[in-house]
């Protein structure tokens, strides 16, 4: 069983401004001022010395510098404010404006800290196909240091081996079923768990295997969630194992099924489940309101 990780969400909010974009803005302003000075000098020569040269150069320098600085710094600053990243036991919770999603570790690709076109350090996270789903400008030394710590934790967790599927994995898996049908099937598994299977009846499962599955961070969120639901539906004597394993760092799906189970609201409260609601599928989030 992997050691418990907890939530990891260092602040990536801007804490300063990088030097490189400011230098580039000044260079653009200087080039624009030079062009303005050259044009002013040409006008001065053409007019026979009747117009004062270089009058527009300082104004152009200021305007060009401010404009390029706005493009290089203000837009990345606003973009950095709109991104939230949290690493939990099962994956990454990512919110970028209205785009909110959850990526389990097996579906994630490598991350890196690179630079954008104006030289701003940027944290880039990719999915398994290599497509970047998060680009966060790192404005300031503290934001950069926090991103480096996040990336180190991200890569360590992503590279951890996936645990071998337990013998009851097939019985616990959702297999494309609607949520309500899945939960009914899990409740039936719990009811049959301590009975002998008769002819053409569903074979019982070993409930004794479930507590270790709930606490095994190497298992998929779906299998962990199903195992917890069966235990709580059965009101098994080892409910403390579920309470100890399911914390705010548990994947959203695990927290959802625990909350929906007969004894689960004491483990995952309404406030806790509301915090992970954005990272659930629509039908899963709808089940929260149906459960009251």
Protein backbone atom coordinates (compact mmCIF):
# COMPACT_ATOMS: atom_id res chain seq x y z
CA UNK A 1 0.00 0.00 0.00
CA UNK A 2 1.36 3.41 -0.92
CA UNK A 3 1.87 5.97 1.87
CA UNK A 4 -0.90 8.48 2.26
CA UNK A 5 -0.17 11.63 0.28
CA UNK A 6 -2.78 14.24 1.14
CA UNK A 7 -3.73 17.21 -0.98
CA UNK A 8 -0.92 19.17 -2.60
CA UNK A 9 -1.87 22.63 -3.79
CA UNK A 10 0.96 25.18 -3.46
CA UNK A 11 0.02 28.70 -4.44
CA UNK A 12 0.98 29.59 -8.00
CA UNK A 13 -0.40 33.11 -7.72
CA UNK A 14 1.84 35.92 -9.09
CA UNK A 15 4.31 37.19 -6.49
CA UNK A 16 6.47 39.38 -8.70
CA UNK A 17 7.43 40.16 -12.28
CA UNK A 18 10.09 38.39 -14.36
CA UNK A 19 12.90 40.55 -15.71
CA UNK A 20 13.02 39.18 -19.27
CA UNK A 21 9.61 40.47 -20.47
CA UNK A 22 10.36 43.93 -19.03
CA UNK A 23 13.67 44.00 -20.91
CA UNK A 24 11.93 43.01 -24.13
CA UNK A 25 9.28 45.68 -23.64
CA UNK A 26 12.02 48.30 -23.18
CA UNK A 27 13.79 47.02 -26.31
CA UNK A 28 10.58 47.32 -28.33
CA UNK A 29 10.07 50.81 -26.98
CA UNK A 30 13.64 51.75 -27.80
CA UNK A 31 13.34 50.43 -31.35
CA UNK A 32 10.07 52.32 -31.83
CA UNK A 33 11.66 55.49 -30.45
CA UNK A 34 14.57 55.06 -32.88
CA UNK A 35 12.16 54.73 -35.80
CA UNK A 36 10.29 57.83 -34.59
CA UNK A 37 13.56 59.74 -34.23
CA UNK A 38 14.64 58.75 -37.74
CA UNK A 39 11.26 59.85 -39.13
CA UNK A 40 11.48 63.12 -37.21
CA UNK A 41 14.98 63.76 -38.50
CA UNK A 42 13.82 63.12 -42.07
CA UNK A 43 10.97 65.58 -41.59
CA UNK A 44 13.41 68.11 -40.13
CA UNK A 45 15.76 67.82 -43.10
CA UNK A 46 12.89 67.94 -45.61
CA UNK A 47 11.41 71.05 -44.02
CA UNK A 48 14.75 72.86 -44.12
CA UNK A 49 15.14 72.97 -40.35
CA UNK A 50 11.81 74.64 -39.62
CA UNK A 51 10.55 71.78 -37.38
CA UNK A 52 12.15 70.63 -34.12
CA UNK A 53 13.60 67.13 -34.50
CA UNK A 54 12.92 64.08 -32.29
CA UNK A 55 9.84 65.61 -30.63
CA UNK A 56 7.80 62.42 -31.01
CA UNK A 57 10.56 59.99 -29.98
CA UNK A 58 10.06 60.12 -26.18
CA UNK A 59 6.29 59.81 -26.54
CA UNK A 60 6.59 56.84 -28.89
CA UNK A 61 9.10 55.20 -26.53
CA UNK A 62 6.72 55.47 -23.56
CA UNK A 63 3.67 54.32 -25.52
CA UNK A 64 5.44 51.38 -27.17
CA UNK A 65 7.03 50.26 -23.89
CA UNK A 66 3.75 50.36 -21.97
CA UNK A 67 1.86 48.60 -24.77
CA UNK A 68 4.38 45.77 -25.13
CA UNK A 69 4.64 45.41 -21.35
CA UNK A 70 0.85 45.08 -21.16
CA UNK A 71 0.90 42.30 -23.73
CA UNK A 72 3.88 40.56 -22.12
CA UNK A 73 2.82 40.86 -18.46
CA UNK A 74 -0.80 41.83 -17.91
CA UNK A 75 -2.35 39.02 -19.96
CA UNK A 76 -0.17 36.28 -18.39
CA UNK A 77 -0.87 37.80 -14.96
CA UNK A 78 -4.62 37.48 -15.53
CA UNK A 79 -4.22 33.98 -16.95
CA UNK A 80 -2.27 32.87 -13.87
CA UNK A 81 -5.09 34.08 -11.62
CA UNK A 82 -7.63 31.95 -13.47
CA UNK A 83 -5.94 28.57 -12.95
CA UNK A 84 -6.29 26.23 -9.97
CA UNK A 85 -4.34 22.98 -9.65
CA UNK A 86 -4.61 20.45 -6.84
CA UNK A 87 -2.89 17.07 -6.65
CA UNK A 88 -4.77 14.45 -4.67
CA UNK A 89 -4.27 10.73 -4.08
CA UNK A 90 -5.72 9.71 -7.43
CA UNK A 91 -4.86 12.48 -9.87
CA UNK A 92 -5.01 16.19 -10.67
CA UNK A 93 -7.95 18.52 -10.12
CA UNK A 94 -7.67 21.26 -12.72
CA UNK A 95 -9.85 24.36 -13.10
CA UNK A 96 -9.13 26.91 -15.83
CA UNK A 97 -11.92 29.47 -16.07
CA UNK A 98 -15.05 27.44 -16.91
CA UNK A 99 -13.03 24.37 -17.94
CA UNK A 100 -12.97 22.05 -14.93
CA UNK A 101 -11.73 18.48 -15.16
CA UNK A 102 -10.11 15.65 -13.22
CA UNK A 103 -7.22 13.62 -14.61
CA UNK A 104 -6.37 10.28 -12.90
CA UNK A 105 -2.65 9.57 -12.75
CA UNK A 106 -2.69 6.86 -15.46
CA UNK A 107 -4.11 9.40 -17.94
CA UNK A 108 -1.43 12.02 -17.32
CA UNK A 109 1.73 12.71 -19.30
CA UNK A 110 4.94 14.46 -18.26
CA UNK A 111 5.07 18.00 -16.96
CA UNK A 112 7.78 20.62 -17.34
CA UNK A 113 8.68 24.23 -16.62
CA UNK A 114 9.50 26.04 -19.87
CA UNK A 115 9.23 29.58 -21.19
CA UNK A 116 6.61 31.24 -23.33
CA UNK A 117 7.34 33.49 -26.30
CA UNK A 118 8.22 36.49 -24.13
CA UNK A 119 10.41 34.56 -21.71
CA UNK A 120 7.98 34.04 -18.83
CA UNK A 121 8.58 30.73 -17.00
CA UNK A 122 5.51 28.53 -17.54
CA UNK A 123 4.34 25.33 -15.88
CA UNK A 124 3.04 22.94 -18.55
CA UNK A 125 1.13 19.74 -17.77
CA UNK A 126 0.13 17.24 -20.45
CA UNK A 127 -2.21 14.28 -20.76
CA UNK A 128 -1.17 10.81 -21.91
CA UNK A 129 -1.41 11.82 -25.58
CA UNK A 130 1.01 14.70 -25.04
CA UNK A 131 -1.56 17.51 -25.31
CA UNK A 132 -1.06 20.33 -22.81
CA UNK A 133 -4.13 20.89 -20.66
CA UNK A 134 -2.62 23.47 -18.29
CA UNK A 135 -0.19 26.33 -19.01
CA UNK A 136 0.39 28.48 -15.94
CA UNK A 137 2.66 31.57 -16.14
CA UNK A 138 4.96 31.71 -13.13
CA UNK A 139 5.32 35.37 -12.22
CA UNK A 140 7.76 35.79 -9.35
CA UNK A 141 10.37 33.67 -7.59
CA UNK A 142 7.92 32.25 -5.06
CA UNK A 143 5.47 31.11 -7.71
CA UNK A 144 8.35 29.51 -9.61
CA UNK A 145 9.59 27.69 -6.49
CA UNK A 146 6.08 26.45 -5.67
CA UNK A 147 5.64 25.22 -9.23
CA UNK A 148 8.94 23.34 -9.03
CA UNK A 149 7.76 21.63 -5.83
CA UNK A 150 4.42 20.77 -7.43
CA UNK A 151 6.14 19.38 -10.52
CA UNK A 152 8.45 17.21 -8.41
CA UNK A 153 5.46 15.74 -6.54
CA UNK A 154 3.52 15.40 -9.80
CA UNK A 155 6.25 13.39 -11.53
CA UNK A 156 6.87 11.20 -8.48
CA UNK A 157 3.22 10.25 -8.18
CA UNK A 158 2.75 9.84 -11.92
CA UNK A 159 5.65 7.40 -12.13
CA UNK A 160 4.42 5.19 -9.28
CA UNK A 161 3.37 1.75 -10.56
CA UNK A 162 -0.31 0.91 -10.75
CA UNK A 163 -1.23 -1.80 -8.26
CA UNK A 164 -2.34 -5.17 -9.54
CA UNK A 165 -6.10 -5.33 -9.92
CA UNK A 166 -7.71 -7.33 -7.10
CA UNK A 167 -9.64 -10.51 -7.80
CA UNK A 168 -12.94 -8.67 -7.22
CA UNK A 169 -12.12 -5.83 -9.63
CA UNK A 170 -14.41 -7.14 -12.37
CA UNK A 171 -17.35 -7.37 -9.99
CA UNK A 172 -16.71 -3.85 -8.66
CA UNK A 173 -16.12 -2.11 -12.01
CA UNK A 174 -18.79 0.21 -13.38
CA UNK A 175 -18.52 -1.21 -16.92
CA UNK A 176 -20.38 1.67 -18.53
CA UNK A 177 -23.49 1.33 -16.39
CA UNK A 178 -25.50 4.38 -15.29
CA UNK A 179 -24.59 5.47 -11.79
CA UNK A 180 -27.87 4.25 -10.27
CA UNK A 181 -27.48 0.80 -11.84
CA UNK A 182 -23.87 0.61 -10.69
CA UNK A 183 -24.84 1.43 -7.10
CA UNK A 184 -27.64 -1.14 -7.15
CA UNK A 185 -25.21 -3.77 -8.35
CA UNK A 186 -22.72 -2.87 -5.62
CA UNK A 187 -25.42 -3.05 -2.95
CA UNK A 188 -26.36 -6.51 -4.26
CA UNK A 189 -22.72 -7.57 -4.05
CA UNK A 190 -22.60 -6.54 -0.42
CA UNK A 191 -25.79 -8.42 0.36
CA UNK A 192 -24.47 -11.55 -1.31
CA UNK A 193 -21.01 -11.26 0.19
CA UNK A 194 -21.72 -13.36 3.26
CA UNK A 195 -24.05 -15.86 1.60
CA UNK A 196 -23.49 -18.99 -0.40
CA UNK A 197 -24.20 -18.53 -4.08
CA UNK A 198 -26.91 -20.80 -5.40
CA UNK A 199 -27.52 -22.03 -8.91
CA UNK A 200 -27.47 -19.11 -11.40
CA UNK A 201 -26.97 -16.65 -8.58
CA UNK A 202 -24.26 -14.03 -8.54
CA UNK A 203 -21.17 -15.45 -6.87
CA UNK A 204 -20.44 -13.77 -3.54
CA UNK A 205 -17.31 -11.71 -3.04
CA UNK A 206 -14.87 -11.76 -0.17
CA UNK A 207 -15.69 -8.68 1.93
CA UNK A 208 -12.46 -9.17 3.84
CA UNK A 209 -10.52 -8.02 0.79
CA UNK A 210 -12.34 -4.69 0.50
CA UNK A 211 -10.80 -2.63 3.36
CA UNK A 212 -7.30 -3.01 1.91
CA UNK A 213 -8.62 -2.01 -1.55
CA UNK A 214 -10.16 1.20 -0.18
CA UNK A 215 -6.85 2.21 1.35
CA UNK A 216 -4.65 1.17 -1.58
CA UNK A 217 -3.65 4.35 -3.44
CA UNK A 218 -2.37 2.22 -6.31
CA UNK A 219 -5.89 1.12 -7.22
CA UNK A 220 -8.02 3.14 -9.61
CA UNK A 221 -10.50 5.61 -8.09
CA UNK A 222 -13.38 3.54 -9.51
CA UNK A 223 -12.31 0.33 -7.75
CA UNK A 224 -11.57 2.14 -4.48
CA UNK A 225 -14.95 3.90 -4.61
CA UNK A 226 -16.84 0.69 -5.32
CA UNK A 227 -15.09 -1.18 -2.52
CA UNK A 228 -15.95 1.58 -0.04
CA UNK A 229 -19.59 1.61 -1.16
CA UNK A 230 -19.98 -2.14 -0.73
CA UNK A 231 -18.51 -2.01 2.76
CA UNK A 232 -20.73 0.87 3.83
CA UNK A 233 -23.83 -0.63 2.21
CA UNK A 234 -23.17 -3.81 4.17
CA UNK A 235 -22.38 -1.82 7.34
CA UNK A 236 -19.43 -4.12 7.84
CA UNK A 237 -17.70 -4.16 11.22
CA UNK A 238 -14.50 -2.60 9.85
CA UNK A 239 -15.95 0.81 8.91
CA UNK A 240 -13.01 2.48 10.62
CA UNK A 241 -10.89 1.36 7.69
CA UNK A 242 -13.08 3.43 5.38
CA UNK A 243 -13.03 6.42 7.73
CA UNK A 244 -9.24 6.36 7.91
CA UNK A 245 -8.76 5.89 4.17
CA UNK A 246 -11.29 8.38 2.79
CA UNK A 247 -10.16 11.93 3.50
CA UNK A 248 -10.39 15.20 1.57
CA UNK A 249 -7.41 13.94 -0.43
CA UNK A 250 -9.39 11.00 -1.81
CA UNK A 251 -10.38 11.21 -5.49
CA UNK A 252 -13.75 12.90 -6.16
CA UNK A 253 -15.39 9.62 -7.24
CA UNK A 254 -14.36 7.90 -4.01
CA UNK A 255 -15.77 10.74 -1.94
CA UNK A 256 -19.00 10.68 -3.96
CA UNK A 257 -19.76 6.98 -3.47
CA UNK A 258 -18.93 7.18 0.23
CA UNK A 259 -21.27 10.18 0.57
CA UNK A 260 -24.07 8.33 -1.27
CA UNK A 261 -23.72 5.16 0.80
CA UNK A 262 -25.91 4.39 3.83
CA UNK A 263 -23.35 5.34 6.47
CA UNK A 264 -21.20 7.64 4.37
CA UNK A 265 -22.43 11.14 5.22
CA UNK A 266 -20.61 10.94 8.52
CA UNK A 267 -17.38 10.34 6.64
CA UNK A 268 -17.80 12.72 3.69
CA UNK A 269 -19.93 15.71 4.65
CA UNK A 270 -22.04 17.83 2.30
CA UNK A 271 -19.42 20.59 2.44
CA UNK A 272 -16.69 18.15 1.44
CA UNK A 273 -18.67 16.70 -1.42
CA UNK A 274 -19.59 20.18 -2.67
CA UNK A 275 -15.88 20.98 -2.86
CA UNK A 276 -15.26 18.13 -5.32
CA UNK A 277 -18.58 18.45 -7.19
CA UNK A 278 -17.04 20.43 -10.11
CA UNK A 279 -14.70 17.51 -10.85
CA UNK A 280 -17.49 14.93 -11.18
CA UNK A 281 -19.39 13.94 -14.29
CA UNK A 282 -22.85 15.61 -14.70
CA UNK A 283 -24.82 12.49 -13.74
CA UNK A 284 -22.58 11.97 -10.72
CA UNK A 285 -23.01 15.55 -9.54
CA UNK A 286 -26.77 15.25 -10.03
CA UNK A 287 -26.82 12.26 -7.68
CA UNK A 288 -25.64 14.51 -4.84
CA UNK A 289 -28.81 16.58 -4.99
CA UNK A 290 -30.94 13.46 -5.33
CA UNK A 291 -29.44 12.05 -2.16
CA UNK A 292 -30.26 15.23 -0.22
